[in-house]
mmCIF file of all heavy atoms, coordinates in Angstrom:
data_MODEL
# 
_entry.id   MODEL 
# 
loop_
_atom_site.group_PDB 
_atom_site.id 
_atom_site.type_symbol 
_atom_site.label_atom_id 
_atom_site.label_alt_id 
_atom_site.label_comp_id 
_atom_site.label_asym_id 
_atom_site.label_entity_id 
_atom_site.label_seq_id 
_atom_site.pdbx_PDB_ins_code 
_atom_site.Cartn_x 
_atom_site.Cartn_y 
_atom_site.Cartn_z 
_atom_site.occupancy 
_atom_site.B_iso_or_equiv 
_atom_site.pdbx_formal_charge 
_atom_site.auth_seq_id 
_atom_site.auth_comp_id 
_atom_site.auth_asym_id 
_atom_site.auth_atom_id 
_atom_site.pdbx_PDB_model_num 
ATOM 1   N N   . ALA A 1 1  ? 0.817  -1.214  0.000  1.00 0.00 ? 1  ALA A N   1 
ATOM 2   C CA  . ALA A 1 1  ? 0.000  0.000   0.000  1.00 0.00 ? 1  ALA A CA  1 
ATOM 3   C C   . ALA A 1 1  ? 0.853  1.266   0.000  1.00 0.00 ? 1  ALA A C   1 
ATOM 4   O O   . ALA A 1 1  ? 0.507  2.241   -0.659 1.00 0.00 ? 1  ALA A O   1 
ATOM 5   C CB  . ALA A 1 1  ? -0.948 -0.002  1.199  1.00 0.00 ? 1  ALA A CB  1 
ATOM 6   N N   . VAL A 1 2  ? 1.980  1.251   0.721  1.00 0.00 ? 2  VAL A N   1 
ATOM 7   C CA  . VAL A 1 2  ? 2.814  2.451   0.752  1.00 0.00 ? 2  VAL A CA  1 
ATOM 8   C C   . VAL A 1 2  ? 3.402  2.736   -0.623 1.00 0.00 ? 2  VAL A C   1 
ATOM 9   O O   . VAL A 1 2  ? 3.566  3.898   -0.998 1.00 0.00 ? 2  VAL A O   1 
ATOM 10  C CB  . VAL A 1 2  ? 3.903  2.380   1.843  1.00 0.00 ? 2  VAL A CB  1 
ATOM 11  C CG1 . VAL A 1 2  ? 5.056  1.487   1.440  1.00 0.00 ? 2  VAL A CG1 1 
ATOM 12  C CG2 . VAL A 1 2  ? 4.403  3.780   2.179  1.00 0.00 ? 2  VAL A CG2 1 
ATOM 13  N N   . GLN A 1 3  ? 3.690  1.701   -1.393 1.00 0.00 ? 3  GLN A N   1 
ATOM 14  C CA  . GLN A 1 3  ? 4.220  1.919   -2.735 1.00 0.00 ? 3  GLN A CA  1 
ATOM 15  C C   . GLN A 1 3  ? 3.173  2.599   -3.624 1.00 0.00 ? 3  GLN A C   1 
ATOM 16  O O   . GLN A 1 3  ? 3.498  3.525   -4.370 1.00 0.00 ? 3  GLN A O   1 
ATOM 17  C CB  . GLN A 1 3  ? 4.688  0.598   -3.356 1.00 0.00 ? 3  GLN A CB  1 
ATOM 18  C CG  . GLN A 1 3  ? 5.875  -0.004  -2.625 1.00 0.00 ? 3  GLN A CG  1 
ATOM 19  C CD  . GLN A 1 3  ? 7.039  0.963   -2.481 1.00 0.00 ? 3  GLN A CD  1 
ATOM 20  O OE1 . GLN A 1 3  ? 7.473  1.571   -3.442 1.00 0.00 ? 3  GLN A OE1 1 
ATOM 21  N NE2 . GLN A 1 3  ? 7.531  1.111   -1.271 1.00 0.00 ? 3  GLN A NE2 1 
ATOM 22  N N   . GLU A 1 4  ? 1.929  2.160   -3.522 1.00 0.00 ? 4  GLU A N   1 
ATOM 23  C CA  . GLU A 1 4  ? 0.851  2.799   -4.283 1.00 0.00 ? 4  GLU A CA  1 
ATOM 24  C C   . GLU A 1 4  ? 0.655  4.244   -3.824 1.00 0.00 ? 4  GLU A C   1 
ATOM 25  O O   . GLU A 1 4  ? 0.470  5.141   -4.640 1.00 0.00 ? 4  GLU A O   1 
ATOM 26  C CB  . GLU A 1 4  ? -0.445 2.009   -4.137 1.00 0.00 ? 4  GLU A CB  1 
ATOM 27  C CG  . GLU A 1 4  ? -0.414 0.688   -4.877 1.00 0.00 ? 4  GLU A CG  1 
ATOM 28  C CD  . GLU A 1 4  ? -1.762 -0.005  -4.886 1.00 0.00 ? 4  GLU A CD  1 
ATOM 29  O OE1 . GLU A 1 4  ? -2.801 0.659   -4.649 1.00 0.00 ? 4  GLU A OE1 1 
ATOM 30  O OE2 . GLU A 1 4  ? -1.772 -1.224  -5.137 1.00 0.00 ? 4  GLU A OE2 1 
ATOM 31  N N   . LEU A 1 5  ? 0.704  4.456   -2.517 1.00 0.00 ? 5  LEU A N   1 
ATOM 32  C CA  . LEU A 1 5  ? 0.535  5.800   -1.974 1.00 0.00 ? 5  LEU A CA  1 
ATOM 33  C C   . LEU A 1 5  ? 1.638  6.727   -2.460 1.00 0.00 ? 5  LEU A C   1 
ATOM 34  O O   . LEU A 1 5  ? 1.374  7.847   -2.906 1.00 0.00 ? 5  LEU A O   1 
ATOM 35  C CB  . LEU A 1 5  ? 0.527  5.748   -0.448 1.00 0.00 ? 5  LEU A CB  1 
ATOM 36  C CG  . LEU A 1 5  ? 0.461  7.094   0.274  1.00 0.00 ? 5  LEU A CG  1 
ATOM 37  C CD1 . LEU A 1 5  ? -0.855 7.809   -0.024 1.00 0.00 ? 5  LEU A CD1 1 
ATOM 38  C CD2 . LEU A 1 5  ? 0.636  6.900   1.765  1.00 0.00 ? 5  LEU A CD2 1 
ATOM 39  N N   . LEU A 1 6  ? 2.885  6.270   -2.420 1.00 0.00 ? 6  LEU A N   1 
ATOM 40  C CA  . LEU A 1 6  ? 4.006  7.112   -2.820 1.00 0.00 ? 6  LEU A CA  1 
ATOM 41  C C   . LEU A 1 6  ? 4.040  7.382   -4.318 1.00 0.00 ? 6  LEU A C   1 
ATOM 42  O O   . LEU A 1 6  ? 4.563  8.412   -4.743 1.00 0.00 ? 6  LEU A O   1 
ATOM 43  C CB  . LEU A 1 6  ? 5.320  6.501   -2.338 1.00 0.00 ? 6  LEU A CB  1 
ATOM 44  C CG  . LEU A 1 6  ? 5.494  6.480   -0.822 1.00 0.00 ? 6  LEU A CG  1 
ATOM 45  C CD1 . LEU A 1 6  ? 6.740  5.702   -0.430 1.00 0.00 ? 6  LEU A CD1 1 
ATOM 46  C CD2 . LEU A 1 6  ? 5.505  7.886   -0.245 1.00 0.00 ? 6  LEU A CD2 1 
ATOM 47  N N   . GLN A 1 7  ? 3.494  6.490   -5.120 1.00 0.00 ? 7  GLN A N   1 
ATOM 48  C CA  . GLN A 1 7  ? 3.387  6.760   -6.560 1.00 0.00 ? 7  GLN A CA  1 
ATOM 49  C C   . GLN A 1 7  ? 2.426  7.919   -6.794 1.00 0.00 ? 7  GLN A C   1 
ATOM 50  O O   . GLN A 1 7  ? 2.649  8.757   -7.651 1.00 0.00 ? 7  GLN A O   1 
ATOM 51  C CB  . GLN A 1 7  ? 2.918  5.518   -7.309 1.00 0.00 ? 7  GLN A CB  1 
ATOM 52  C CG  . GLN A 1 7  ? 3.991  4.475   -7.464 1.00 0.00 ? 7  GLN A CG  1 
ATOM 53  C CD  . GLN A 1 7  ? 3.491  3.239   -8.195 1.00 0.00 ? 7  GLN A CD  1 
ATOM 54  O OE1 . GLN A 1 7  ? 2.318  3.133   -8.563 1.00 0.00 ? 7  GLN A OE1 1 
ATOM 55  N NE2 . GLN A 1 7  ? 4.379  2.283   -8.399 1.00 0.00 ? 7  GLN A NE2 1 
ATOM 56  N N   . MET A 1 8  ? 1.360  7.953   -6.026 1.00 0.00 ? 8  MET A N   1 
ATOM 57  C CA  . MET A 1 8  ? 0.351  8.999   -6.158 1.00 0.00 ? 8  MET A CA  1 
ATOM 58  C C   . MET A 1 8  ? 0.811  10.296  -5.487 1.00 0.00 ? 8  MET A C   1 
ATOM 59  O O   . MET A 1 8  ? 0.562  11.377  -5.993 1.00 0.00 ? 8  MET A O   1 
ATOM 60  C CB  . MET A 1 8  ? -0.962 8.532   -5.514 1.00 0.00 ? 8  MET A CB  1 
ATOM 61  C CG  . MET A 1 8  ? -2.031 9.585   -5.441 1.00 0.00 ? 8  MET A CG  1 
ATOM 62  S SD  . MET A 1 8  ? -3.490 9.052   -4.527 1.00 0.00 ? 8  MET A SD  1 
ATOM 63  C CE  . MET A 1 8  ? -2.818 8.559   -2.971 1.00 0.00 ? 8  MET A CE  1 
ATOM 64  N N   . ALA A 1 9  ? 1.466  10.159  -4.323 1.00 0.00 ? 9  ALA A N   1 
ATOM 65  C CA  . ALA A 1 9  ? 1.838  11.326  -3.521 1.00 0.00 ? 9  ALA A CA  1 
ATOM 66  C C   . ALA A 1 9  ? 3.215  11.103  -2.901 1.00 0.00 ? 9  ALA A C   1 
ATOM 67  O O   . ALA A 1 9  ? 3.320  10.632  -1.770 1.00 0.00 ? 9  ALA A O   1 
ATOM 68  C CB  . ALA A 1 9  ? 0.796  11.557  -2.433 1.00 0.00 ? 9  ALA A CB  1 
ATOM 69  N N   . PRO A 1 10 ? 4.277  11.406  -3.644 1.00 0.00 ? 10 PRO A N   1 
ATOM 70  C CA  . PRO A 1 10 ? 5.629  11.166  -3.133 1.00 0.00 ? 10 PRO A CA  1 
ATOM 71  C C   . PRO A 1 10 ? 5.936  11.878  -1.821 1.00 0.00 ? 10 PRO A C   1 
ATOM 72  O O   . PRO A 1 10 ? 6.825  11.475  -1.089 1.00 0.00 ? 10 PRO A O   1 
ATOM 73  C CB  . PRO A 1 10 ? 6.535  11.696  -4.250 1.00 0.00 ? 10 PRO A CB  1 
ATOM 74  C CG  . PRO A 1 10 ? 5.681  11.744  -5.466 1.00 0.00 ? 10 PRO A CG  1 
ATOM 75  C CD  . PRO A 1 10 ? 4.279  11.954  -4.994 1.00 0.00 ? 10 PRO A CD  1 
ATOM 76  N N   . GLU A 1 11 ? 5.192  12.917  -1.503 1.00 0.00 ? 11 GLU A N   1 
ATOM 77  C CA  . GLU A 1 11 ? 5.410  13.657  -0.265 1.00 0.00 ? 11 GLU A CA  1 
ATOM 78  C C   . GLU A 1 11 ? 4.740  13.031  0.954  1.00 0.00 ? 11 GLU A C   1 
ATOM 79  O O   . GLU A 1 11 ? 4.906  13.504  2.083  1.00 0.00 ? 11 GLU A O   1 
ATOM 80  C CB  . GLU A 1 11 ? 4.906  15.097  -0.419 1.00 0.00 ? 11 GLU A CB  1 
ATOM 81  C CG  . GLU A 1 11 ? 3.391  15.254  -0.410 1.00 0.00 ? 11 GLU A CG  1 
ATOM 82  C CD  . GLU A 1 11 ? 2.651  14.840  -1.686 1.00 0.00 ? 11 GLU A CD  1 
ATOM 83  O OE1 . GLU A 1 11 ? 3.289  14.443  -2.678 1.00 0.00 ? 11 GLU A OE1 1 
ATOM 84  O OE2 . GLU A 1 11 ? 1.419  14.927  -1.682 1.00 0.00 ? 11 GLU A OE2 1 
ATOM 85  N N   . ALA A 1 12 ? 3.986  11.952  0.755  1.00 0.00 ? 12 ALA A N   1 
ATOM 86  C CA  . ALA A 1 12 ? 3.239  11.324  1.844  1.00 0.00 ? 12 ALA A CA  1 
ATOM 87  C C   . ALA A 1 12 ? 4.164  10.877  2.971  1.00 0.00 ? 12 ALA A C   1 
ATOM 88  O O   . ALA A 1 12 ? 5.270  10.398  2.733  1.00 0.00 ? 12 ALA A O   1 
ATOM 89  C CB  . ALA A 1 12 ? 2.443  10.131  1.315  1.00 0.00 ? 12 ALA A CB  1 
ATOM 90  N N   . ARG A 1 13 ? 3.687  11.068  4.172  1.00 0.00 ? 13 ARG A N   1 
ATOM 91  C CA  . ARG A 1 13 ? 4.421  10.650  5.363  1.00 0.00 ? 13 ARG A CA  1 
ATOM 92  C C   . ARG A 1 13 ? 3.709  9.451   5.963  1.00 0.00 ? 13 ARG A C   1 
ATOM 93  O O   . ARG A 1 13 ? 2.686  9.600   6.642  1.00 0.00 ? 13 ARG A O   1 
ATOM 94  C CB  . ARG A 1 13 ? 4.494  11.795  6.361  1.00 0.00 ? 13 ARG A CB  1 
ATOM 95  C CG  . ARG A 1 13 ? 5.290  12.961  5.830  1.00 0.00 ? 13 ARG A CG  1 
ATOM 96  C CD  . ARG A 1 13 ? 5.271  14.108  6.786  1.00 0.00 ? 13 ARG A CD  1 
ATOM 97  N NE  . ARG A 1 13 ? 6.060  15.203  6.240  1.00 0.00 ? 13 ARG A NE  1 
ATOM 98  C CZ  . ARG A 1 13 ? 6.054  16.410  6.718  1.00 0.00 ? 13 ARG A CZ  1 
ATOM 99  N NH1 . ARG A 1 13 ? 5.300  16.697  7.763  1.00 0.00 ? 13 ARG A NH1 1 
ATOM 100 N NH2 . ARG A 1 13 ? 6.788  17.340  6.179  1.00 0.00 ? 13 ARG A NH2 1 
ATOM 101 N N   . ALA A 1 14 ? 4.241  8.269   5.684  1.00 0.00 ? 14 ALA A N   1 
ATOM 102 C CA  . ALA A 1 14 ? 3.616  7.033   6.130  1.00 0.00 ? 14 ALA A CA  1 
ATOM 103 C C   . ALA A 1 14 ? 4.406  6.412   7.272  1.00 0.00 ? 14 ALA A C   1 
ATOM 104 O O   . ALA A 1 14 ? 5.634  6.381   7.248  1.00 0.00 ? 14 ALA A O   1 
ATOM 105 C CB  . ALA A 1 14 ? 3.515  6.042   4.967  1.00 0.00 ? 14 ALA A CB  1 
ATOM 106 N N   . ILE A 1 15 ? 3.670  5.911   8.243  1.00 0.00 ? 15 ILE A N   1 
ATOM 107 C CA  . ILE A 1 15 ? 4.239  5.218   9.394  1.00 0.00 ? 15 ILE A CA  1 
ATOM 108 C C   . ILE A 1 15 ? 3.766  3.774   9.326  1.00 0.00 ? 15 ILE A C   1 
ATOM 109 O O   . ILE A 1 15 ? 2.578  3.514   9.165  1.00 0.00 ? 15 ILE A O   1 
ATOM 110 C CB  . ILE A 1 15 ? 3.759  5.871   10.706 1.00 0.00 ? 15 ILE A CB  1 
ATOM 111 C CG1 . ILE A 1 15 ? 4.204  7.329   10.770 1.00 0.00 ? 15 ILE A CG1 1 
ATOM 112 C CG2 . ILE A 1 15 ? 4.231  5.072   11.920 1.00 0.00 ? 15 ILE A CG2 1 
ATOM 113 C CD1 . ILE A 1 15 ? 3.510  8.139   11.853 1.00 0.00 ? 15 ILE A CD1 1 
ATOM 114 N N   . VAL A 1 16 ? 4.693  2.841   9.443  1.00 0.00 ? 16 VAL A N   1 
ATOM 115 C CA  . VAL A 1 16 ? 4.335  1.427   9.433  1.00 0.00 ? 16 VAL A CA  1 
ATOM 116 C C   . VAL A 1 16 ? 4.111  0.971   10.872 1.00 0.00 ? 16 VAL A C   1 
ATOM 117 O O   . VAL A 1 16 ? 4.825  1.380   11.784 1.00 0.00 ? 16 VAL A O   1 
ATOM 118 C CB  . VAL A 1 16 ? 5.410  0.559   8.729  1.00 0.00 ? 16 VAL A CB  1 
ATOM 119 C CG1 . VAL A 1 16 ? 6.729  0.601   9.440  1.00 0.00 ? 16 VAL A CG1 1 
ATOM 120 C CG2 . VAL A 1 16 ? 4.921  -0.874  8.562  1.00 0.00 ? 16 VAL A CG2 1 
ATOM 121 N N   . SER A 1 17 ? 3.098  0.146   11.057 1.00 0.00 ? 17 SER A N   1 
ATOM 122 C CA  . SER A 1 17 ? 2.771  -0.387  12.376 1.00 0.00 ? 17 SER A CA  1 
ATOM 123 C C   . SER A 1 17 ? 2.565  -1.881  12.276 1.00 0.00 ? 17 SER A C   1 
ATOM 124 O O   . SER A 1 17 ? 1.978  -2.370  11.302 1.00 0.00 ? 17 SER A O   1 
ATOM 125 C CB  . SER A 1 17 ? 1.499  0.281   12.911 1.00 0.00 ? 17 SER A CB  1 
ATOM 126 O OG  . SER A 1 17 ? 1.141  -0.260  14.163 1.00 0.00 ? 17 SER A OG  1 
ATOM 127 N N   . SER A 1 18 ? 3.060  -2.609  13.269 1.00 0.00 ? 18 SER A N   1 
ATOM 128 C CA  . SER A 1 18 ? 2.891  -4.056  13.270 1.00 0.00 ? 18 SER A CA  1 
ATOM 129 C C   . SER A 1 18 ? 3.053  -4.598  14.675 1.00 0.00 ? 18 SER A C   1 
ATOM 130 O O   . SER A 1 18 ? 3.754  -4.011  15.500 1.00 0.00 ? 18 SER A O   1 
ATOM 131 C CB  . SER A 1 18 ? 3.909  -4.724  12.345 1.00 0.00 ? 18 SER A CB  1 
ATOM 132 O OG  . SER A 1 18 ? 3.741  -6.131  12.353 1.00 0.00 ? 18 SER A OG  1 
ATOM 133 N N   . GLY A 1 19 ? 2.432  -5.725  14.914 1.00 0.00 ? 19 GLY A N   1 
ATOM 134 C CA  . GLY A 1 19 ? 2.622  -6.444  16.169 1.00 0.00 ? 19 GLY A CA  1 
ATOM 135 C C   . GLY A 1 19 ? 3.742  -7.452  16.061 1.00 0.00 ? 19 GLY A C   1 
ATOM 136 O O   . GLY A 1 19 ? 4.091  -8.110  17.034 1.00 0.00 ? 19 GLY A O   1 
ATOM 137 N N   . TYR A 1 20 ? 4.322  -7.579  14.879 1.00 0.00 ? 20 TYR A N   1 
ATOM 138 C CA  . TYR A 1 20 ? 5.406  -8.533  14.644 1.00 0.00 ? 20 TYR A CA  1 
ATOM 139 C C   . TYR A 1 20 ? 6.731  -7.780  14.648 1.00 0.00 ? 20 TYR A C   1 
ATOM 140 O O   . TYR A 1 20 ? 7.254  -7.398  13.602 1.00 0.00 ? 20 TYR A O   1 
ATOM 141 C CB  . TYR A 1 20 ? 5.203  -9.259  13.317 1.00 0.00 ? 20 TYR A CB  1 
ATOM 142 C CG  . TYR A 1 20 ? 3.895  -10.015 13.257 1.00 0.00 ? 20 TYR A CG  1 
ATOM 143 C CD1 . TYR A 1 20 ? 2.800  -9.498  12.565 1.00 0.00 ? 20 TYR A CD1 1 
ATOM 144 C CD2 . TYR A 1 20 ? 3.755  -11.223 13.909 1.00 0.00 ? 20 TYR A CD2 1 
ATOM 145 C CE1 . TYR A 1 20 ? 1.596  -10.181 12.518 1.00 0.00 ? 20 TYR A CE1 1 
ATOM 146 C CE2 . TYR A 1 20 ? 2.557  -11.924 13.877 1.00 0.00 ? 20 TYR A CE2 1 
ATOM 147 C CZ  . TYR A 1 20 ? 1.484  -11.394 13.177 1.00 0.00 ? 20 TYR A CZ  1 
ATOM 148 O OH  . TYR A 1 20 ? 0.294  -12.070 13.145 1.00 0.00 ? 20 TYR A OH  1 
ATOM 149 N N   . ALA A 1 21 ? 7.281  -7.556  15.835 1.00 0.00 ? 21 ALA A N   1 
ATOM 150 C CA  . ALA A 1 21 ? 8.470  -6.726  15.994 1.00 0.00 ? 21 ALA A CA  1 
ATOM 151 C C   . ALA A 1 21 ? 9.686  -7.279  15.266 1.00 0.00 ? 21 ALA A C   1 
ATOM 152 O O   . ALA A 1 21 ? 10.600 -6.536  14.918 1.00 0.00 ? 21 ALA A O   1 
ATOM 153 C CB  . ALA A 1 21 ? 8.793  -6.551  17.475 1.00 0.00 ? 21 ALA A CB  1 
ATOM 154 N N   . GLU A 1 22 ? 9.697  -8.570  14.983 1.00 0.00 ? 22 GLU A N   1 
ATOM 155 C CA  . GLU A 1 22 ? 10.853 -9.169  14.318 1.00 0.00 ? 22 GLU A CA  1 
ATOM 156 C C   . GLU A 1 22 ? 10.809 -9.034  12.797 1.00 0.00 ? 22 GLU A C   1 
ATOM 157 O O   . GLU A 1 22 ? 11.749 -9.415  12.110 1.00 0.00 ? 22 GLU A O   1 
ATOM 158 C CB  . GLU A 1 22 ? 10.984 -10.650 14.707 1.00 0.00 ? 22 GLU A CB  1 
ATOM 159 C CG  . GLU A 1 22 ? 9.886  -11.553 14.159 1.00 0.00 ? 22 GLU A CG  1 
ATOM 160 C CD  . GLU A 1 22 ? 8.557  -11.497 14.916 1.00 0.00 ? 22 GLU A CD  1 
ATOM 161 O OE1 . GLU A 1 22 ? 8.494  -10.913 16.015 1.00 0.00 ? 22 GLU A OE1 1 
ATOM 162 O OE2 . GLU A 1 22 ? 7.570  -12.027 14.392 1.00 0.00 ? 22 GLU A OE2 1 
ATOM 163 N N   . ASP A 1 23 ? 9.758  -8.467  12.248 1.00 0.00 ? 23 ASP A N   1 
ATOM 164 C CA  . ASP A 1 23 ? 9.658  -8.315  10.794 1.00 0.00 ? 23 ASP A CA  1 
ATOM 165 C C   . ASP A 1 23 ? 10.766 -7.398  10.291 1.00 0.00 ? 23 ASP A C   1 
ATOM 166 O O   . ASP A 1 23 ? 10.952 -6.302  10.814 1.00 0.00 ? 23 ASP A O   1 
ATOM 167 C CB  . ASP A 1 23 ? 8.295  -7.728  10.414 1.00 0.00 ? 23 ASP A CB  1 
ATOM 168 C CG  . ASP A 1 23 ? 8.021  -7.840  8.924  1.00 0.00 ? 23 ASP A CG  1 
ATOM 169 O OD1 . ASP A 1 23 ? 8.809  -7.260  8.143  1.00 0.00 ? 23 ASP A OD1 1 
ATOM 170 O OD2 . ASP A 1 23 ? 7.046  -8.494  8.563  1.00 0.00 ? 23 ASP A OD2 1 
ATOM 171 N N   . PRO A 1 24 ? 11.526 -7.822  9.276  1.00 0.00 ? 24 PRO A N   1 
ATOM 172 C CA  . PRO A 1 24 ? 12.630 -7.003  8.780  1.00 0.00 ? 24 PRO A CA  1 
ATOM 173 C C   . PRO A 1 24 ? 12.201 -5.641  8.229  1.00 0.00 ? 24 PRO A C   1 
ATOM 174 O O   . PRO A 1 24 ? 13.007 -4.710  8.206  1.00 0.00 ? 24 PRO A O   1 
ATOM 175 C CB  . PRO A 1 24 ? 13.276 -7.866  7.702  1.00 0.00 ? 24 PRO A CB  1 
ATOM 176 C CG  . PRO A 1 24 ? 12.301 -8.937  7.386  1.00 0.00 ? 24 PRO A CG  1 
ATOM 177 C CD  . PRO A 1 24 ? 11.413 -9.093  8.578  1.00 0.00 ? 24 PRO A CD  1 
ATOM 178 N N   . ILE A 1 25 ? 10.975 -5.506  7.810  1.00 0.00 ? 25 ILE A N   1 
ATOM 179 C CA  . ILE A 1 25 ? 10.506 -4.218  7.306  1.00 0.00 ? 25 ILE A CA  1 
ATOM 180 C C   . ILE A 1 25 ? 10.557 -3.168  8.420  1.00 0.00 ? 25 ILE A C   1 
ATOM 181 O O   . ILE A 1 25 ? 10.889 -2.009  8.179  1.00 0.00 ? 25 ILE A O   1 
ATOM 182 C CB  . ILE A 1 25 ? 9.098  -4.333  6.691  1.00 0.00 ? 25 ILE A CB  1 
ATOM 183 C CG1 . ILE A 1 25 ? 9.160  -5.200  5.428  1.00 0.00 ? 25 ILE A CG1 1 
ATOM 184 C CG2 . ILE A 1 25 ? 8.513  -2.957  6.368  1.00 0.00 ? 25 ILE A CG2 1 
ATOM 185 C CD1 . ILE A 1 25 ? 7.828  -5.491  4.801  1.00 0.00 ? 25 ILE A CD1 1 
# 
């Protein structure tokens, strides 16, 4: 989703959230 968002709005400020703290992202 962030890739789609940034294609539309490169200035977007996105924060990723997850309960899986070990995820490499």
